[in-house]
Amino acid sequence: MSVNIRTSATPSTSTLVAAWAAPVMVIGQFGLLSGIPIAVVVVASLRDRRSKALRWWAGALALAYATTLTLWLTGPSEAPSLSKYMSPATTAVLAGVGVATAIAHQVVRRRSTGK
């Protein structure tokens, strides 16, 4: 039995949607749930062996999210949710990195498909 793993240089549509969903969810005050599309983006970028630039952007997004999440969980804050914990500056940074990651995925996808 063989397993066929997709290793194209083109990000899939679901990865592209997840990349755009992450900053939208952060801005929409769904900070903790934004970890789901971030995980999708990270896993998809790790599976794609030919696009190293996407790995860097996905890694930056995951690092920004993990840092914020860790500070909330381990800190003395009594904020009931991650979104309530994040300052406007933190929200802007996380959303900005998310948008940059989504744009990088969009550019790679357009270059790969020639559109």
N, C-alpha and C. Protein backbone atom coordinates (compact mmCIF):
# COMPACT_ATOMS: atom_id res chain seq x y z
N MET A 1 0.84 -1.16 0.00
CA MET A 1 0.00 0.00 0.00
C MET A 1 0.89 1.23 0.00
N SER A 2 0.66 2.14 -0.92
CA SER A 2 1.46 3.36 -0.97
C SER A 2 0.57 4.56 -0.68
N VAL A 3 1.19 5.56 -0.11
CA VAL A 3 0.49 6.78 0.23
C VAL A 3 0.99 7.87 -0.70
N ASN A 4 0.07 8.53 -1.36
CA ASN A 4 0.43 9.61 -2.26
C ASN A 4 0.29 10.93 -1.53
N ILE A 5 1.41 11.57 -1.24
CA ILE A 5 1.40 12.86 -0.54
C ILE A 5 1.54 13.96 -1.57
N ARG A 6 0.65 14.91 -1.48
CA ARG A 6 0.65 16.03 -2.42
C ARG A 6 1.77 16.99 -2.03
N THR A 7 2.71 17.24 -2.92
CA THR A 7 3.83 18.12 -2.63
C THR A 7 3.97 19.18 -3.72
N SER A 8 2.90 19.78 -4.12
CA SER A 8 2.98 20.80 -5.15
C SER A 8 3.47 22.11 -4.54
N ALA A 9 3.96 23.00 -5.39
CA ALA A 9 4.43 24.30 -4.93
C ALA A 9 3.28 25.28 -4.80
N THR A 10 2.08 24.88 -5.16
CA THR A 10 0.93 25.74 -5.08
C THR A 10 0.16 25.49 -3.80
N PRO A 11 -0.04 26.53 -2.98
CA PRO A 11 -0.86 26.34 -1.79
C PRO A 11 -2.29 25.98 -2.19
N SER A 12 -2.89 25.06 -1.48
CA SER A 12 -4.25 24.67 -1.80
C SER A 12 -5.22 25.78 -1.44
N THR A 13 -6.42 25.67 -1.95
CA THR A 13 -7.44 26.69 -1.65
C THR A 13 -7.77 26.71 -0.17
N SER A 14 -7.82 25.55 0.45
CA SER A 14 -8.12 25.51 1.88
C SER A 14 -7.02 26.18 2.70
N THR A 15 -5.78 26.04 2.28
CA THR A 15 -4.68 26.70 2.97
C THR A 15 -4.77 28.21 2.79
N LEU A 16 -5.13 28.63 1.60
CA LEU A 16 -5.29 30.06 1.33
C LEU A 16 -6.43 30.65 2.16
N VAL A 17 -7.54 29.94 2.25
CA VAL A 17 -8.67 30.39 3.07
C VAL A 17 -8.27 30.45 4.54
N ALA A 18 -7.55 29.44 5.00
CA ALA A 18 -7.09 29.44 6.40
C ALA A 18 -6.13 30.59 6.67
N ALA A 19 -5.26 30.88 5.71
CA ALA A 19 -4.31 31.98 5.88
C ALA A 19 -5.03 33.32 6.02
N TRP A 20 -6.10 33.51 5.27
CA TRP A 20 -6.87 34.76 5.38
C TRP A 20 -7.80 34.73 6.60
N ALA A 21 -8.24 33.55 7.01
CA ALA A 21 -9.16 33.46 8.16
C ALA A 21 -8.47 33.82 9.47
N ALA A 22 -7.20 33.51 9.60
CA ALA A 22 -6.50 33.76 10.86
C ALA A 22 -6.52 35.23 11.27
N PRO A 23 -6.09 36.18 10.41
CA PRO A 23 -6.14 37.58 10.85
C PRO A 23 -7.57 38.11 11.01
N VAL A 24 -8.48 37.60 10.20
CA VAL A 24 -9.88 38.02 10.34
C VAL A 24 -10.43 37.59 11.70
N MET A 25 -10.09 36.38 12.12
CA MET A 25 -10.56 35.88 13.41
C MET A 25 -9.92 36.65 14.57
N VAL A 26 -8.66 37.02 14.43
CA VAL A 26 -8.00 37.80 15.49
C VAL A 26 -8.66 39.17 15.61
N ILE A 27 -8.90 39.82 14.50
CA ILE A 27 -9.54 41.14 14.53
C ILE A 27 -10.97 41.03 15.02
N GLY A 28 -11.65 39.93 14.69
CA GLY A 28 -13.03 39.73 15.12
C GLY A 28 -13.17 39.23 16.54
N GLN A 29 -12.08 39.26 17.31
CA GLN A 29 -12.09 38.87 18.73
C GLN A 29 -12.32 37.37 18.94
N PHE A 30 -11.85 36.55 18.04
CA PHE A 30 -11.86 35.09 18.20
C PHE A 30 -10.42 34.60 18.27
N GLY A 31 -9.65 35.18 19.20
CA GLY A 31 -8.22 34.93 19.29
C GLY A 31 -7.86 33.48 19.52
N LEU A 32 -8.54 32.81 20.44
CA LEU A 32 -8.20 31.42 20.73
C LEU A 32 -8.58 30.51 19.57
N LEU A 33 -9.70 30.76 18.94
CA LEU A 33 -10.11 29.93 17.80
C LEU A 33 -9.26 30.16 16.56
N SER A 34 -8.56 31.29 16.50
CA SER A 34 -7.70 31.55 15.34
C SER A 34 -6.53 30.57 15.29
N GLY A 35 -6.30 29.83 16.35
CA GLY A 35 -5.25 28.82 16.35
C GLY A 35 -5.53 27.69 15.37
N ILE A 36 -6.79 27.46 15.07
CA ILE A 36 -7.15 26.38 14.13
C ILE A 36 -6.66 26.70 12.72
N PRO A 37 -7.01 27.86 12.14
CA PRO A 37 -6.48 28.14 10.80
C PRO A 37 -4.96 28.33 10.80
N ILE A 38 -4.40 28.81 11.91
CA ILE A 38 -2.95 28.95 11.99
C ILE A 38 -2.30 27.57 11.92
N ALA A 39 -2.87 26.59 12.61
CA ALA A 39 -2.35 25.22 12.56
C ALA A 39 -2.45 24.65 11.14
N VAL A 40 -3.54 24.93 10.46
CA VAL A 40 -3.71 24.46 9.07
C VAL A 40 -2.63 25.05 8.18
N VAL A 41 -2.35 26.33 8.34
CA VAL A 41 -1.33 26.99 7.52
C VAL A 41 0.05 26.41 7.81
N VAL A 42 0.36 26.20 9.08
CA VAL A 42 1.67 25.66 9.45
C VAL A 42 1.85 24.24 8.91
N VAL A 43 0.86 23.40 9.08
CA VAL A 43 0.96 22.02 8.59
C VAL A 43 1.08 21.99 7.08
N ALA A 44 0.30 22.81 6.39
CA ALA A 44 0.38 22.84 4.93
C ALA A 44 1.74 23.34 4.45
N SER A 45 2.30 24.33 5.13
CA SER A 45 3.61 24.84 4.70
C SER A 45 4.72 23.84 5.00
N LEU A 46 4.57 23.04 6.05
CA LEU A 46 5.57 22.01 6.34
C LEU A 46 5.49 20.85 5.36
N ARG A 47 4.31 20.56 4.86
CA ARG A 47 4.14 19.47 3.89
C ARG A 47 4.69 19.84 2.53
N ASP A 48 4.72 21.14 2.21
CA ASP A 48 5.19 21.60 0.91
C ASP A 48 6.71 21.79 0.97
N ARG A 49 7.44 20.88 0.38
CA ARG A 49 8.90 20.90 0.48
C ARG A 49 9.55 21.93 -0.43
N ARG A 50 8.84 22.41 -1.43
CA ARG A 50 9.46 23.29 -2.42
C ARG A 50 9.30 24.77 -2.13
N SER A 51 8.49 25.14 -1.18
CA SER A 51 8.26 26.55 -0.93
C SER A 51 8.74 26.93 0.46
N LYS A 52 10.02 27.29 0.56
CA LYS A 52 10.62 27.63 1.84
C LYS A 52 10.14 28.98 2.34
N ALA A 53 9.81 29.89 1.46
CA ALA A 53 9.35 31.22 1.89
C ALA A 53 8.05 31.11 2.69
N LEU A 54 7.18 30.21 2.28
CA LEU A 54 5.92 30.04 3.01
C LEU A 54 6.17 29.49 4.41
N ARG A 55 7.19 28.67 4.56
CA ARG A 55 7.53 28.14 5.89
C ARG A 55 7.95 29.26 6.83
N TRP A 56 8.72 30.21 6.33
CA TRP A 56 9.15 31.32 7.17
C TRP A 56 7.96 32.16 7.62
N TRP A 57 7.06 32.45 6.70
CA TRP A 57 5.89 33.25 7.06
C TRP A 57 4.97 32.50 8.01
N ALA A 58 4.74 31.24 7.74
CA ALA A 58 3.90 30.42 8.63
C ALA A 58 4.55 30.28 10.00
N GLY A 59 5.86 30.15 10.03
CA GLY A 59 6.58 30.08 11.30
C GLY A 59 6.47 31.36 12.10
N ALA A 60 6.55 32.49 11.41
CA ALA A 60 6.40 33.79 12.09
C ALA A 60 5.00 33.93 12.67
N LEU A 61 4.00 33.51 11.93
CA LEU A 61 2.63 33.56 12.41
C LEU A 61 2.43 32.65 13.61
N ALA A 62 2.95 31.44 13.53
CA ALA A 62 2.83 30.50 14.64
C ALA A 62 3.57 31.01 15.88
N LEU A 63 4.74 31.61 15.68
CA LEU A 63 5.51 32.15 16.80
C LEU A 63 4.77 33.31 17.47
N ALA A 64 4.21 34.20 16.67
CA ALA A 64 3.45 35.32 17.24
C ALA A 64 2.25 34.83 18.03
N TYR A 65 1.55 33.85 17.49
CA TYR A 65 0.38 33.30 18.18
C TYR A 65 0.79 32.54 19.44
N ALA A 66 1.81 31.70 19.34
CA ALA A 66 2.25 30.90 20.49
C ALA A 66 2.78 31.78 21.62
N THR A 67 3.47 32.85 21.27
CA THR A 67 3.97 33.77 22.29
C THR A 67 2.83 34.43 23.04
N THR A 68 1.85 34.92 22.31
CA THR A 68 0.70 35.56 22.94
C THR A 68 -0.08 34.56 23.79
N LEU A 69 -0.30 33.38 23.27
CA LEU A 69 -1.03 32.35 24.01
C LEU A 69 -0.29 31.95 25.28
N THR A 70 1.01 31.76 25.19
CA THR A 70 1.80 31.37 26.35
C THR A 70 1.80 32.47 27.42
N LEU A 71 1.94 33.72 27.00
CA LEU A 71 1.91 34.82 27.97
C LEU A 71 0.57 34.89 28.68
N TRP A 72 -0.51 34.65 27.95
CA TRP A 72 -1.84 34.68 28.57
C TRP A 72 -2.02 33.53 29.56
N LEU A 73 -1.59 32.34 29.16
CA LEU A 73 -1.78 31.17 30.01
C LEU A 73 -0.89 31.16 31.25
N THR A 74 0.33 31.66 31.13
CA THR A 74 1.27 31.59 32.24
C THR A 74 1.36 32.87 33.05
N GLY A 75 0.82 33.95 32.53
CA GLY A 75 0.94 35.23 33.22
C GLY A 75 -0.08 35.40 34.34
N PRO A 76 0.07 36.49 35.07
CA PRO A 76 -0.83 36.74 36.19
C PRO A 76 -2.19 37.32 35.77
N SER A 77 -2.42 37.44 34.50
CA SER A 77 -3.65 38.05 34.02
C SER A 77 -4.88 37.22 34.39
N GLU A 78 -5.95 37.91 34.68
CA GLU A 78 -7.22 37.24 34.96
C GLU A 78 -8.21 37.44 33.81
N ALA A 79 -7.68 37.72 32.63
CA ALA A 79 -8.54 37.90 31.46
C ALA A 79 -9.23 36.58 31.14
N PRO A 80 -10.55 36.63 30.89
CA PRO A 80 -11.29 35.39 30.65
C PRO A 80 -11.02 34.75 29.29
N SER A 81 -10.46 35.50 28.36
CA SER A 81 -10.19 34.95 27.03
C SER A 81 -8.92 35.56 26.46
N LEU A 82 -8.40 34.91 25.44
CA LEU A 82 -7.20 35.41 24.78
C LEU A 82 -7.47 36.77 24.14
N SER A 83 -8.63 36.93 23.55
CA SER A 83 -8.96 38.20 22.90
C SER A 83 -9.03 39.35 23.90
N LYS A 84 -9.54 39.09 25.07
CA LYS A 84 -9.61 40.13 26.11
C LYS A 84 -8.22 40.43 26.66
N TYR A 85 -7.33 39.46 26.63
CA TYR A 85 -5.97 39.64 27.13
C TYR A 85 -5.14 40.50 26.19
N MET A 86 -5.33 40.34 24.90
CA MET A 86 -4.48 41.02 23.92
C MET A 86 -4.75 42.52 23.91
N SER A 87 -3.66 43.28 23.96
CA SER A 87 -3.77 44.73 23.84
C SER A 87 -4.01 45.06 22.37
N PRO A 88 -4.41 46.30 22.08
CA PRO A 88 -4.57 46.66 20.66
C PRO A 88 -3.28 46.50 19.86
N ALA A 89 -2.14 46.75 20.49
CA ALA A 89 -0.87 46.59 19.79
C ALA A 89 -0.60 45.12 19.47
N THR A 90 -0.87 44.25 20.43
CA THR A 90 -0.68 42.82 20.21
C THR A 90 -1.62 42.32 19.13
N THR A 91 -2.85 42.78 19.17
CA THR A 91 -3.82 42.40 18.14
C THR A 91 -3.35 42.86 16.77
N ALA A 92 -2.84 44.09 16.70
CA ALA A 92 -2.36 44.61 15.42
C ALA A 92 -1.16 43.82 14.90
N VAL A 93 -0.24 43.46 15.78
CA VAL A 93 0.93 42.69 15.35
C VAL A 93 0.51 41.30 14.85
N LEU A 94 -0.33 40.63 15.63
CA LEU A 94 -0.77 39.29 15.23
C LEU A 94 -1.57 39.34 13.92
N ALA A 95 -2.44 40.32 13.79
CA ALA A 95 -3.21 40.45 12.55
C ALA A 95 -2.30 40.83 11.39
N GLY A 96 -1.32 41.69 11.63
CA GLY A 96 -0.39 42.09 10.58
C GLY A 96 0.45 40.93 10.07
N VAL A 97 0.95 40.11 10.98
CA VAL A 97 1.71 38.93 10.57
C VAL A 97 0.80 37.96 9.82
N GLY A 98 -0.45 37.86 10.26
CA GLY A 98 -1.42 37.00 9.57
C GLY A 98 -1.70 37.48 8.15
N VAL A 99 -1.86 38.77 7.99
CA VAL A 99 -2.10 39.33 6.65
C VAL A 99 -0.87 39.13 5.77
N ALA A 100 0.32 39.35 6.32
CA ALA A 100 1.55 39.14 5.54
C ALA A 100 1.68 37.68 5.10
N THR A 101 1.33 36.76 5.98
CA THR A 101 1.37 35.33 5.64
C THR A 101 0.35 35.02 4.55
N ALA A 102 -0.83 35.57 4.66
CA ALA A 102 -1.87 35.34 3.65
C ALA A 102 -1.46 35.91 2.30
N ILE A 103 -0.85 37.09 2.31
CA ILE A 103 -0.39 37.69 1.05
C ILE A 103 0.72 36.84 0.43
N ALA A 104 1.63 36.33 1.26
CA ALA A 104 2.70 35.47 0.74
C ALA A 104 2.11 34.22 0.10
N HIS A 105 1.11 33.61 0.73
CA HIS A 105 0.46 32.44 0.15
C HIS A 105 -0.24 32.81 -1.16
N GLN A 106 -0.88 33.98 -1.19
CA GLN A 106 -1.58 34.43 -2.40
C GLN A 106 -0.58 34.64 -3.54
N VAL A 107 0.55 35.28 -3.26
CA VAL A 107 1.56 35.53 -4.28
C VAL A 107 2.13 34.23 -4.83
N VAL A 108 2.46 33.29 -3.94
CA VAL A 108 3.00 32.00 -4.39
C VAL A 108 1.97 31.28 -5.25
N ARG A 109 0.73 31.33 -4.85
CA ARG A 109 -0.33 30.66 -5.60
C ARG A 109 -0.50 31.28 -7.00
N ARG A 110 -0.47 32.59 -7.06
CA ARG A 110 -0.62 33.26 -8.38
C ARG A 110 0.56 32.98 -9.29
N ARG A 111 1.76 32.99 -8.72
CA ARG A 111 2.94 32.69 -9.53
C ARG A 111 2.94 31.26 -10.05
N SER A 112 2.44 30.35 -9.22
CA SER A 112 2.42 28.93 -9.60
C SER A 112 1.39 28.64 -10.68
N THR A 113 0.25 29.31 -10.60
CA THR A 113 -0.80 29.04 -11.56
C THR A 113 -0.71 29.93 -12.79
N GLY A 114 0.08 31.00 -12.72
CA GLY A 114 0.24 31.88 -13.86
C GLY A 114 -0.91 32.84 -14.06
N LYS A 115 -1.71 33.06 -13.02
CA LYS A 115 -2.85 33.97 -13.14
C LYS A 115 -2.50 35.33 -12.63
